[in-house]
């Protein structure tokens, strides 16, 4: 790939790559990186040096697994992080340290157990997983305008694994005065602690 030092956007979506070349960190002006629907297995250390990166798209990467590395906090300019339809199983507390993150997509991440410590800068949050046994604490996300919460994909799973259906959930919406879009899919909501006509 070479150095491509002036590159600002790189789209490798739907290619057969399973890893990014180390030279990607030479593209210091890179703002947008798209690796959707590739065979990438992990987020490579090379990207942590992309200080200007604003968008990271890795949806549909079925081989992408494990926890989001704590080094992600080095991407302080990141505004968009999309990891939907991957095998991500956990979040690092470093996610909380992304001061500019506005869009966070974890739809159909069916290995994810919980999504906690989310940054207050979020405007759009999408989370669904068949293994998630508690819904995220969103009470501090005062800028949130869009919220989607669901139980995960429609693929069959053993009943013992489908924990989110076994528990009732309490959803705190009282502080979300900016919320415009609310979508709850197949969740047993016990309490909506706000009168919906105020939204």
N, C-alpha and C. Protein backbone atom coordinates (compact mmCIF):
# COMPACT_ATOMS: atom_id res chain seq x y z
N UNK A 1 0.82 -1.21 0.00
CA UNK A 1 0.00 0.00 0.00
C UNK A 1 0.85 1.26 0.00
N UNK A 2 2.11 1.14 0.41
CA UNK A 2 2.96 2.32 0.47
C UNK A 2 2.58 3.22 1.62
N UNK A 3 3.12 4.43 1.61
CA UNK A 3 2.85 5.34 2.73
C UNK A 3 1.57 6.15 2.53
N UNK A 4 1.32 6.63 1.30
CA UNK A 4 0.11 7.42 1.01
C UNK A 4 -0.11 8.48 2.08
N UNK A 5 0.89 9.31 2.25
CA UNK A 5 0.91 10.27 3.35
C UNK A 5 -0.20 11.31 3.29
N UNK A 6 -0.76 11.57 2.10
CA UNK A 6 -1.80 12.59 1.96
C UNK A 6 -3.21 12.02 2.00
N UNK A 7 -3.33 10.73 2.21
CA UNK A 7 -4.64 10.07 2.19
C UNK A 7 -5.52 10.56 3.33
N UNK A 8 -6.77 10.94 3.01
CA UNK A 8 -7.70 11.38 4.05
C UNK A 8 -8.83 10.39 4.28
N UNK A 9 -9.13 9.54 3.29
CA UNK A 9 -10.17 8.53 3.43
C UNK A 9 -9.73 7.23 2.77
N UNK A 10 -9.93 6.12 3.47
CA UNK A 10 -9.55 4.81 2.95
C UNK A 10 -10.73 3.86 3.12
N UNK A 11 -11.23 3.33 2.02
CA UNK A 11 -12.38 2.42 2.04
C UNK A 11 -11.95 1.07 1.48
N UNK A 12 -11.88 0.07 2.36
CA UNK A 12 -11.51 -1.29 1.98
C UNK A 12 -12.68 -2.25 2.19
N UNK A 13 -13.88 -1.71 2.27
CA UNK A 13 -15.07 -2.51 2.56
C UNK A 13 -15.28 -3.61 1.53
N UNK A 14 -15.75 -4.76 2.02
CA UNK A 14 -16.11 -5.91 1.17
C UNK A 14 -14.94 -6.46 0.37
N UNK A 15 -13.74 -6.24 0.86
CA UNK A 15 -12.57 -6.88 0.26
C UNK A 15 -12.22 -8.12 1.07
N UNK A 16 -11.21 -8.87 0.63
CA UNK A 16 -10.85 -10.13 1.28
C UNK A 16 -9.74 -9.94 2.31
N UNK A 17 -9.44 -8.73 2.70
CA UNK A 17 -8.34 -8.52 3.64
C UNK A 17 -8.69 -9.09 5.02
N UNK A 18 -7.68 -9.62 5.71
CA UNK A 18 -7.88 -10.08 7.09
C UNK A 18 -7.04 -9.31 8.09
N UNK A 19 -6.26 -8.36 7.59
CA UNK A 19 -5.52 -7.46 8.46
C UNK A 19 -5.13 -6.22 7.69
N UNK A 20 -4.89 -5.16 8.41
CA UNK A 20 -4.45 -3.92 7.78
C UNK A 20 -2.94 -3.87 7.77
N UNK A 21 -2.35 -3.34 6.72
CA UNK A 21 -0.89 -3.21 6.68
C UNK A 21 -0.40 -2.23 7.74
N UNK A 22 0.76 -2.51 8.30
CA UNK A 22 1.32 -1.63 9.33
C UNK A 22 1.57 -0.22 8.80
N UNK A 23 1.73 -0.11 7.49
CA UNK A 23 2.04 1.20 6.91
C UNK A 23 0.87 2.16 6.97
N UNK A 24 -0.31 1.68 7.38
CA UNK A 24 -1.47 2.57 7.45
C UNK A 24 -1.22 3.70 8.44
N UNK A 25 -0.35 3.46 9.41
CA UNK A 25 -0.07 4.52 10.41
C UNK A 25 0.75 5.66 9.82
N UNK A 26 1.25 5.48 8.60
CA UNK A 26 1.98 6.56 7.93
C UNK A 26 1.03 7.58 7.32
N UNK A 27 -0.24 7.19 7.20
CA UNK A 27 -1.24 8.10 6.64
C UNK A 27 -1.77 9.00 7.75
N UNK A 28 -0.95 9.91 8.16
CA UNK A 28 -1.24 10.72 9.35
C UNK A 28 -2.42 11.68 9.16
N UNK A 29 -2.84 11.91 7.91
CA UNK A 29 -3.97 12.80 7.64
C UNK A 29 -5.28 12.04 7.50
N UNK A 30 -5.25 10.72 7.70
CA UNK A 30 -6.44 9.90 7.51
C UNK A 30 -7.54 10.29 8.50
N UNK A 31 -8.72 10.58 7.98
CA UNK A 31 -9.87 10.96 8.81
C UNK A 31 -10.95 9.89 8.83
N UNK A 32 -11.06 9.12 7.73
CA UNK A 32 -12.11 8.10 7.62
C UNK A 32 -11.50 6.77 7.20
N UNK A 33 -11.77 5.72 7.98
CA UNK A 33 -11.30 4.37 7.65
C UNK A 33 -12.50 3.43 7.64
N UNK A 34 -12.72 2.79 6.50
CA UNK A 34 -13.85 1.86 6.35
C UNK A 34 -13.34 0.47 6.01
N UNK A 35 -13.65 -0.48 6.89
CA UNK A 35 -13.27 -1.87 6.65
C UNK A 35 -14.50 -2.78 6.83
N UNK A 36 -15.68 -2.24 6.53
CA UNK A 36 -16.92 -3.00 6.67
C UNK A 36 -16.88 -4.29 5.86
N UNK A 37 -17.45 -5.36 6.43
CA UNK A 37 -17.62 -6.64 5.72
C UNK A 37 -16.31 -7.19 5.18
N UNK A 38 -15.27 -7.08 5.98
CA UNK A 38 -13.99 -7.71 5.64
C UNK A 38 -13.73 -8.84 6.63
N UNK A 39 -12.57 -9.47 6.52
CA UNK A 39 -12.23 -10.60 7.39
C UNK A 39 -11.23 -10.20 8.47
N UNK A 40 -11.16 -8.91 8.76
CA UNK A 40 -10.26 -8.41 9.80
C UNK A 40 -10.64 -9.04 11.14
N UNK A 41 -9.63 -9.58 11.85
CA UNK A 41 -9.87 -10.30 13.10
C UNK A 41 -9.70 -9.43 14.34
N UNK A 42 -8.94 -8.36 14.20
CA UNK A 42 -8.74 -7.46 15.34
C UNK A 42 -8.39 -6.07 14.83
N UNK A 43 -8.61 -5.09 15.68
CA UNK A 43 -8.22 -3.73 15.32
C UNK A 43 -6.70 -3.63 15.48
N UNK A 44 -5.99 -3.34 14.41
CA UNK A 44 -4.53 -3.40 14.44
C UNK A 44 -3.91 -2.24 15.21
N UNK A 45 -2.79 -2.49 15.90
CA UNK A 45 -2.11 -1.44 16.66
C UNK A 45 -1.75 -0.22 15.81
N UNK A 46 -1.58 -0.43 14.50
CA UNK A 46 -1.17 0.67 13.63
C UNK A 46 -2.16 1.83 13.65
N UNK A 47 -3.45 1.55 13.85
CA UNK A 47 -4.43 2.63 13.74
C UNK A 47 -4.41 3.57 14.95
N UNK A 48 -3.82 3.13 16.06
CA UNK A 48 -3.82 3.99 17.25
C UNK A 48 -2.97 5.24 17.05
N UNK A 49 -2.15 5.24 16.00
CA UNK A 49 -1.31 6.41 15.71
C UNK A 49 -1.99 7.41 14.78
N UNK A 50 -3.22 7.09 14.37
CA UNK A 50 -3.95 7.98 13.46
C UNK A 50 -4.68 9.05 14.26
N UNK A 51 -3.97 10.03 14.69
CA UNK A 51 -4.49 11.04 15.63
C UNK A 51 -5.64 11.87 15.06
N UNK A 52 -5.75 11.92 13.73
CA UNK A 52 -6.81 12.72 13.11
C UNK A 52 -8.02 11.88 12.70
N UNK A 53 -7.99 10.60 13.00
CA UNK A 53 -9.08 9.72 12.58
C UNK A 53 -10.39 10.12 13.26
N UNK A 54 -11.41 10.38 12.44
CA UNK A 54 -12.72 10.81 12.94
C UNK A 54 -13.78 9.72 12.81
N UNK A 55 -13.61 8.82 11.84
CA UNK A 55 -14.61 7.78 11.61
C UNK A 55 -13.93 6.43 11.40
N UNK A 56 -14.41 5.43 12.15
CA UNK A 56 -13.94 4.06 11.99
C UNK A 56 -15.16 3.17 11.77
N UNK A 57 -15.26 2.62 10.57
CA UNK A 57 -16.39 1.79 10.19
C UNK A 57 -15.92 0.34 10.05
N UNK A 58 -16.43 -0.53 10.92
CA UNK A 58 -16.05 -1.95 10.87
C UNK A 58 -17.28 -2.83 11.07
N UNK A 59 -18.40 -2.43 10.50
CA UNK A 59 -19.63 -3.22 10.61
C UNK A 59 -19.56 -4.44 9.70
N UNK A 60 -20.17 -5.53 10.14
CA UNK A 60 -20.21 -6.73 9.32
C UNK A 60 -18.91 -7.50 9.27
N UNK A 61 -17.98 -7.18 10.18
CA UNK A 61 -16.72 -7.92 10.25
C UNK A 61 -16.93 -9.12 11.18
N UNK A 62 -17.41 -10.22 10.63
CA UNK A 62 -17.79 -11.38 11.43
C UNK A 62 -16.60 -12.04 12.12
N UNK A 63 -15.40 -11.76 11.66
CA UNK A 63 -14.20 -12.35 12.28
C UNK A 63 -13.63 -11.46 13.38
N UNK A 64 -14.13 -10.24 13.48
CA UNK A 64 -13.63 -9.29 14.48
C UNK A 64 -14.17 -9.67 15.86
N UNK A 65 -13.26 -10.01 16.79
CA UNK A 65 -13.70 -10.53 18.08
C UNK A 65 -12.86 -9.98 19.21
N UNK A 66 -13.24 -10.33 20.43
CA UNK A 66 -12.53 -9.87 21.62
C UNK A 66 -13.07 -8.55 22.12
N UNK A 67 -12.36 -7.98 23.08
CA UNK A 67 -12.75 -6.68 23.63
C UNK A 67 -12.14 -5.55 22.81
N UNK A 68 -12.83 -4.42 22.83
CA UNK A 68 -12.25 -3.23 22.20
C UNK A 68 -11.01 -2.85 23.00
N UNK A 69 -9.85 -2.74 22.36
CA UNK A 69 -8.61 -2.47 23.09
C UNK A 69 -8.64 -1.14 23.83
N UNK A 70 -7.94 -1.09 24.94
CA UNK A 70 -7.90 0.15 25.74
C UNK A 70 -7.18 1.26 25.00
N UNK A 71 -6.36 0.90 24.02
CA UNK A 71 -5.62 1.92 23.26
C UNK A 71 -6.53 2.81 22.41
N UNK A 72 -7.80 2.43 22.32
CA UNK A 72 -8.71 3.24 21.49
C UNK A 72 -8.81 4.67 22.01
N UNK A 73 -8.48 4.87 23.28
CA UNK A 73 -8.52 6.22 23.85
C UNK A 73 -7.54 7.16 23.16
N UNK A 74 -6.57 6.58 22.42
CA UNK A 74 -5.60 7.40 21.70
C UNK A 74 -6.24 8.10 20.50
N UNK A 75 -7.41 7.63 20.08
CA UNK A 75 -8.10 8.24 18.94
C UNK A 75 -9.04 9.34 19.44
N UNK A 76 -8.47 10.37 19.97
CA UNK A 76 -9.25 11.42 20.65
C UNK A 76 -10.14 12.22 19.71
N UNK A 77 -9.88 12.17 18.39
CA UNK A 77 -10.70 12.90 17.42
C UNK A 77 -11.88 12.07 16.92
N UNK A 78 -11.98 10.82 17.36
CA UNK A 78 -12.99 9.91 16.82
C UNK A 78 -14.41 10.39 17.11
N UNK A 79 -15.23 10.50 16.06
CA UNK A 79 -16.63 10.91 16.19
C UNK A 79 -17.59 9.76 15.92
N UNK A 80 -17.19 8.85 15.03
CA UNK A 80 -18.07 7.75 14.61
C UNK A 80 -17.34 6.42 14.79
N UNK A 81 -17.97 5.50 15.51
CA UNK A 81 -17.41 4.15 15.70
C UNK A 81 -18.53 3.14 15.45
N UNK A 82 -18.38 2.38 14.36
CA UNK A 82 -19.41 1.42 13.97
C UNK A 82 -18.82 0.01 13.95
N UNK A 83 -19.34 -0.83 14.86
CA UNK A 83 -18.83 -2.20 15.01
C UNK A 83 -19.97 -3.22 14.94
N UNK A 84 -21.10 -2.83 14.38
CA UNK A 84 -22.26 -3.71 14.33
C UNK A 84 -21.99 -5.00 13.57
N UNK A 85 -22.72 -6.06 13.93
CA UNK A 85 -22.60 -7.36 13.28
C UNK A 85 -21.17 -7.91 13.35
N UNK A 86 -20.50 -7.67 14.46
CA UNK A 86 -19.18 -8.25 14.70
C UNK A 86 -19.26 -9.16 15.92
N UNK A 87 -18.12 -9.76 16.30
CA UNK A 87 -18.08 -10.66 17.45
C UNK A 87 -17.41 -9.99 18.65
N UNK A 88 -17.44 -8.67 18.68
CA UNK A 88 -16.93 -7.93 19.83
C UNK A 88 -17.67 -8.39 21.09
N UNK A 89 -16.90 -8.70 22.15
CA UNK A 89 -17.55 -9.25 23.35
C UNK A 89 -17.50 -8.31 24.55
N UNK A 90 -16.76 -7.22 24.45
CA UNK A 90 -16.68 -6.32 25.59
C UNK A 90 -16.09 -4.98 25.22
N UNK A 91 -16.36 -3.99 26.06
CA UNK A 91 -15.84 -2.64 25.85
C UNK A 91 -14.76 -2.33 26.87
N UNK A 92 -13.76 -1.60 26.45
CA UNK A 92 -12.77 -1.10 27.38
C UNK A 92 -13.31 0.17 28.04
N UNK A 93 -12.91 0.40 29.29
CA UNK A 93 -13.31 1.64 29.96
C UNK A 93 -12.74 2.86 29.23
N UNK A 94 -11.77 2.62 28.34
CA UNK A 94 -11.19 3.71 27.58
C UNK A 94 -12.19 4.37 26.64
N UNK A 95 -13.27 3.66 26.31
CA UNK A 95 -14.33 4.25 25.48
C UNK A 95 -14.84 5.54 26.13
N UNK A 96 -14.91 5.52 27.44
CA UNK A 96 -15.38 6.69 28.19
C UNK A 96 -14.48 7.90 27.96
N UNK A 97 -13.23 7.63 27.57
CA UNK A 97 -12.26 8.70 27.37
C UNK A 97 -12.21 9.26 25.97
N UNK A 98 -13.22 8.95 25.14
CA UNK A 98 -13.28 9.51 23.79
C UNK A 98 -14.17 10.75 23.81
N UNK A 99 -13.60 11.93 23.94
CA UNK A 99 -14.39 13.14 24.23
C UNK A 99 -15.26 13.61 23.08
N UNK A 100 -14.98 13.14 21.85
CA UNK A 100 -15.73 13.63 20.69
C UNK A 100 -16.63 12.58 20.06
N UNK A 101 -16.72 11.40 20.67
CA UNK A 101 -17.52 10.33 20.08
C UNK A 101 -19.00 10.69 20.08
N UNK A 102 -19.61 10.68 18.90
CA UNK A 102 -21.02 11.06 18.76
C UNK A 102 -21.91 9.89 18.33
N UNK A 103 -21.38 9.00 17.50
CA UNK A 103 -22.14 7.86 16.99
C UNK A 103 -21.43 6.57 17.36
N UNK A 104 -22.15 5.68 18.06
CA UNK A 104 -21.58 4.40 18.50
C UNK A 104 -22.58 3.31 18.14
N UNK A 105 -22.16 2.41 17.24
CA UNK A 105 -23.04 1.37 16.73
C UNK A 105 -22.52 0.00 17.14
N UNK A 106 -23.31 -0.70 17.97
CA UNK A 106 -23.01 -2.07 18.40
C UNK A 106 -24.21 -2.98 18.11
N UNK A 107 -24.91 -2.72 17.03
CA UNK A 107 -26.08 -3.52 16.69
C UNK A 107 -25.68 -4.95 16.35
N UNK A 108 -26.42 -5.89 16.90
CA UNK A 108 -26.24 -7.32 16.60
C UNK A 108 -24.82 -7.80 16.89
N UNK A 109 -24.24 -7.27 17.95
CA UNK A 109 -22.97 -7.80 18.47
C UNK A 109 -23.33 -8.85 19.51
N UNK A 110 -23.63 -10.06 19.05
CA UNK A 110 -24.27 -11.06 19.90
C UNK A 110 -23.35 -11.74 20.90
N UNK A 111 -22.07 -11.36 20.92
CA UNK A 111 -21.15 -11.85 21.95
C UNK A 111 -20.97 -10.82 23.07
N UNK A 112 -21.59 -9.68 22.92
CA UNK A 112 -21.42 -8.58 23.88
C UNK A 112 -22.23 -8.84 25.15
N UNK A 113 -21.58 -8.76 26.31
CA UNK A 113 -22.24 -9.02 27.59
C UNK A 113 -22.79 -7.74 28.23
N UNK A 114 -22.10 -6.63 28.06
CA UNK A 114 -22.59 -5.38 28.62
C UNK A 114 -21.94 -4.20 27.90
N UNK A 115 -22.58 -3.06 27.99
CA UNK A 115 -22.04 -1.83 27.42
C UNK A 115 -22.16 -0.74 28.48
N UNK A 116 -21.10 -0.55 29.22
CA UNK A 116 -21.14 0.42 30.32
C UNK A 116 -20.09 1.51 30.10
N UNK A 117 -20.12 2.51 30.94
CA UNK A 117 -19.14 3.61 30.88
C UNK A 117 -19.08 4.23 29.49
N UNK A 118 -20.20 4.74 29.05
CA UNK A 118 -20.27 5.36 27.73
C UNK A 118 -20.02 6.86 27.83
N UNK A 119 -19.38 7.45 26.81
CA UNK A 119 -19.06 8.88 26.88
C UNK A 119 -20.29 9.76 26.77
N UNK A 120 -20.31 10.84 27.51
CA UNK A 120 -21.48 11.73 27.55
C UNK A 120 -21.65 12.53 26.26
N UNK A 121 -20.68 12.46 25.35
CA UNK A 121 -20.76 13.19 24.09
C UNK A 121 -21.66 12.51 23.06
N UNK A 122 -22.13 11.28 23.35
CA UNK A 122 -22.89 10.51 22.37
C UNK A 122 -24.19 11.19 21.96
N UNK A 123 -24.45 11.18 20.65
CA UNK A 123 -25.70 11.68 20.09
C UNK A 123 -26.55 10.52 19.57
N UNK A 124 -25.88 9.47 19.08
CA UNK A 124 -26.58 8.30 18.55
C UNK A 124 -25.96 7.04 19.13
N UNK A 125 -26.80 6.18 19.75
CA UNK A 125 -26.33 4.94 20.35
C UNK A 125 -27.22 3.79 19.91
N UNK A 126 -26.60 2.73 19.38
CA UNK A 126 -27.32 1.53 18.96
C UNK A 126 -26.64 0.32 19.57
N UNK A 127 -27.37 -0.44 20.38
CA UNK A 127 -26.80 -1.62 21.05
C UNK A 127 -27.81 -2.75 21.03
N UNK A 128 -27.37 -3.93 20.58
CA UNK A 128 -28.19 -5.13 20.73
C UNK A 128 -27.29 -6.35 20.79
N UNK A 129 -27.67 -7.29 21.67
CA UNK A 129 -26.89 -8.52 21.85
C UNK A 129 -27.75 -9.56 22.54
N UNK A 130 -27.60 -10.81 22.13
CA UNK A 130 -28.35 -11.88 22.78
C UNK A 130 -27.77 -12.25 24.14
N UNK A 131 -26.52 -11.89 24.39
CA UNK A 131 -25.88 -12.25 25.65
C UNK A 131 -25.89 -11.13 26.67
N UNK A 132 -26.35 -9.96 26.30
CA UNK A 132 -26.32 -8.82 27.20
C UNK A 132 -27.36 -9.00 28.30
N UNK A 133 -26.90 -9.03 29.57
CA UNK A 133 -27.82 -9.28 30.66
C UNK A 133 -28.24 -8.00 31.39
N UNK A 134 -27.80 -6.86 30.90
CA UNK A 134 -28.27 -5.59 31.45
C UNK A 134 -28.19 -4.53 30.36
N UNK A 135 -29.10 -3.59 30.41
CA UNK A 135 -29.06 -2.53 29.42
C UNK A 135 -28.08 -1.45 29.88
N UNK A 136 -27.52 -0.69 28.94
CA UNK A 136 -26.53 0.33 29.32
C UNK A 136 -27.13 1.40 30.22
N UNK A 137 -26.30 1.96 31.08
CA UNK A 137 -26.71 3.12 31.88
C UNK A 137 -26.59 4.36 31.00
N UNK A 138 -27.73 4.89 30.61
CA UNK A 138 -27.73 6.01 29.66
C UNK A 138 -28.12 7.33 30.32
N UNK A 139 -28.27 7.33 31.63
CA UNK A 139 -28.78 8.51 32.33
C UNK A 139 -27.87 9.73 32.17
N UNK A 140 -26.58 9.51 31.91
CA UNK A 140 -25.64 10.63 31.78
C UNK A 140 -25.47 11.09 30.34
N UNK A 141 -26.14 10.43 29.40
CA UNK A 141 -25.97 10.77 27.99
C UNK A 141 -26.96 11.87 27.60
N UNK A 142 -26.74 13.04 28.13
CA UNK A 142 -27.72 14.14 28.01
C UNK A 142 -27.83 14.71 26.60
N UNK A 143 -26.87 14.40 25.72
CA UNK A 143 -26.93 14.89 24.34
C UNK A 143 -27.57 13.89 23.40
N UNK A 144 -27.96 12.73 23.92
CA UNK A 144 -28.45 11.64 23.08
C UNK A 144 -29.72 12.04 22.33
N UNK A 145 -29.68 11.89 21.01
CA UNK A 145 -30.84 12.20 20.18
C UNK A 145 -31.48 10.96 19.58
N UNK A 146 -30.69 9.87 19.44
CA UNK A 146 -31.19 8.63 18.87
C UNK A 146 -30.74 7.46 19.74
N UNK A 147 -31.68 6.58 20.06
CA UNK A 147 -31.36 5.42 20.90
C UNK A 147 -32.07 4.19 20.37
N UNK A 148 -31.28 3.15 20.09
CA UNK A 148 -31.85 1.86 19.72
C UNK A 148 -31.29 0.81 20.67
N UNK A 149 -32.18 0.07 21.31
CA UNK A 149 -31.79 -1.05 22.17
C UNK A 149 -32.58 -2.28 21.76
N UNK A 150 -31.88 -3.41 21.62
CA UNK A 150 -32.57 -4.63 21.23
C UNK A 150 -31.90 -5.86 21.80
N UNK A 151 -32.50 -7.01 21.56
CA UNK A 151 -32.00 -8.24 22.15
C UNK A 151 -31.00 -8.97 21.27
N UNK A 152 -30.78 -8.50 20.06
CA UNK A 152 -29.80 -9.15 19.20
C UNK A 152 -30.40 -9.62 17.90
N UNK A 153 -29.63 -10.42 17.19
CA UNK A 153 -30.04 -10.89 15.87
C UNK A 153 -31.17 -11.90 16.00
N UNK A 154 -31.73 -12.27 14.88
CA UNK A 154 -32.82 -13.24 14.86
C UNK A 154 -32.33 -14.66 14.67
N UNK A 155 -31.01 -14.87 14.71
CA UNK A 155 -30.47 -16.21 14.57
C UNK A 155 -30.82 -17.03 15.81
N UNK A 156 -31.16 -18.34 15.64
CA UNK A 156 -31.54 -19.17 16.78
C UNK A 156 -30.41 -19.34 17.77
N UNK A 157 -30.75 -19.42 19.06
CA UNK A 157 -29.77 -19.56 20.11
C UNK A 157 -30.37 -20.38 21.23
N UNK A 158 -29.55 -21.09 21.99
CA UNK A 158 -30.05 -21.89 23.10
C UNK A 158 -30.72 -20.99 24.13
N UNK A 159 -31.86 -21.40 24.69
CA UNK A 159 -32.59 -20.56 25.65
C UNK A 159 -31.74 -20.11 26.82
N UNK A 160 -30.85 -20.97 27.32
CA UNK A 160 -30.05 -20.61 28.49
C UNK A 160 -29.11 -19.45 28.19
N UNK A 161 -28.78 -19.26 26.89
CA UNK A 161 -27.88 -18.19 26.51
C UNK A 161 -28.60 -16.86 26.32
N UNK A 162 -29.90 -16.94 26.14
CA UNK A 162 -30.64 -15.73 25.78
C UNK A 162 -31.03 -14.97 27.05
N UNK A 163 -30.03 -14.44 27.74
CA UNK A 163 -30.21 -13.88 29.07
C UNK A 163 -31.11 -12.65 29.08
N UNK A 164 -31.05 -11.86 28.03
CA UNK A 164 -31.77 -10.60 28.06
C UNK A 164 -33.29 -10.82 28.07
N UNK A 165 -33.74 -12.01 27.65
CA UNK A 165 -35.16 -12.31 27.68
C UNK A 165 -35.59 -12.81 29.06
N UNK A 166 -34.63 -13.17 29.89
CA UNK A 166 -34.95 -13.74 31.19
C UNK A 166 -35.12 -12.67 32.26
N UNK A 167 -34.74 -11.43 31.96
CA UNK A 167 -34.77 -10.38 32.97
C UNK A 167 -35.58 -9.20 32.49
N UNK A 168 -36.26 -8.56 33.42
CA UNK A 168 -36.89 -7.30 33.10
C UNK A 168 -35.85 -6.19 33.18
N UNK A 169 -36.04 -5.15 32.38
CA UNK A 169 -35.07 -4.07 32.31
C UNK A 169 -35.71 -2.77 32.79
N UNK A 170 -34.93 -1.97 33.48
CA UNK A 170 -35.36 -0.64 33.88
C UNK A 170 -34.61 0.38 33.04
N UNK A 171 -35.35 1.21 32.36
CA UNK A 171 -34.74 2.18 31.45
C UNK A 171 -34.93 3.58 32.00
N UNK A 172 -33.83 4.27 32.26
CA UNK A 172 -33.86 5.62 32.81
C UNK A 172 -33.77 6.64 31.67
N UNK A 173 -34.83 7.36 31.44
CA UNK A 173 -34.87 8.33 30.34
C UNK A 173 -35.03 9.77 30.81
N UNK A 174 -35.09 9.97 32.10
CA UNK A 174 -35.46 11.27 32.65
C UNK A 174 -34.58 12.43 32.24
N UNK A 175 -33.29 12.18 31.98
CA UNK A 175 -32.37 13.28 31.68
C UNK A 175 -32.16 13.49 30.18
N UNK A 176 -32.85 12.70 29.35
CA UNK A 176 -32.59 12.73 27.91
C UNK A 176 -33.54 13.68 27.19
N UNK A 177 -33.39 14.94 27.45
CA UNK A 177 -34.29 15.95 26.88
C UNK A 177 -34.09 16.14 25.38
N UNK A 178 -32.96 15.70 24.83
CA UNK A 178 -32.68 15.86 23.40
C UNK A 178 -33.13 14.65 22.58
N UNK A 179 -33.65 13.61 23.24
CA UNK A 179 -34.00 12.37 22.55
C UNK A 179 -35.14 12.58 21.57
N UNK A 180 -34.89 12.23 20.30
CA UNK A 180 -35.89 12.39 19.25
C UNK A 180 -36.34 11.04 18.69
N UNK A 181 -35.45 10.06 18.67
CA UNK A 181 -35.77 8.74 18.13
C UNK A 181 -35.47 7.69 19.19
N UNK A 182 -36.50 6.92 19.56
CA UNK A 182 -36.34 5.85 20.56
C UNK A 182 -36.92 4.58 19.98
N UNK A 183 -36.07 3.55 19.87
CA UNK A 183 -36.52 2.27 19.32
C UNK A 183 -36.10 1.15 20.27
N UNK A 184 -37.07 0.43 20.78
CA UNK A 184 -36.84 -0.68 21.70
C UNK A 184 -37.36 -1.95 21.05
N UNK A 185 -36.48 -2.93 20.87
CA UNK A 185 -36.85 -4.13 20.14
C UNK A 185 -36.76 -5.37 21.02
N UNK A 186 -37.89 -6.00 21.28
CA UNK A 186 -37.99 -7.27 22.00
C UNK A 186 -37.28 -7.21 23.35
N UNK A 187 -37.53 -6.14 24.08
CA UNK A 187 -36.99 -6.00 25.43
C UNK A 187 -38.15 -6.01 26.43
N UNK A 188 -37.93 -6.61 27.58
CA UNK A 188 -38.93 -6.58 28.65
C UNK A 188 -38.67 -5.35 29.51
N UNK A 189 -39.24 -4.24 29.11
CA UNK A 189 -39.03 -2.99 29.83
C UNK A 189 -39.96 -2.93 31.04
N UNK A 190 -39.37 -2.78 32.20
CA UNK A 190 -40.13 -2.73 33.44
C UNK A 190 -40.63 -1.32 33.73
N UNK A 191 -39.80 -0.33 33.42
CA UNK A 191 -40.15 1.04 33.80
C UNK A 191 -39.52 2.01 32.84
N UNK A 192 -40.32 2.92 32.33
CA UNK A 192 -39.80 4.06 31.59
C UNK A 192 -39.93 5.25 32.52
N UNK A 193 -38.83 5.69 33.09
CA UNK A 193 -38.90 6.71 34.14
C UNK A 193 -38.97 8.11 33.56
N UNK A 194 -39.90 8.30 32.64
CA UNK A 194 -40.20 9.62 32.08
C UNK A 194 -41.56 9.52 31.39
N UNK A 195 -42.29 10.59 31.35
CA UNK A 195 -43.52 10.60 30.58
C UNK A 195 -43.18 10.84 29.12
N UNK A 196 -43.54 9.91 28.27
CA UNK A 196 -43.08 9.94 26.89
C UNK A 196 -43.52 11.18 26.15
N UNK A 197 -44.62 11.85 26.56
CA UNK A 197 -45.04 13.03 25.82
C UNK A 197 -44.10 14.21 26.06
N UNK A 198 -43.15 14.07 26.99
CA UNK A 198 -42.15 15.11 27.18
C UNK A 198 -40.99 14.98 26.20
N UNK A 199 -40.87 13.85 25.51
CA UNK A 199 -39.74 13.65 24.60
C UNK A 199 -39.96 14.44 23.32
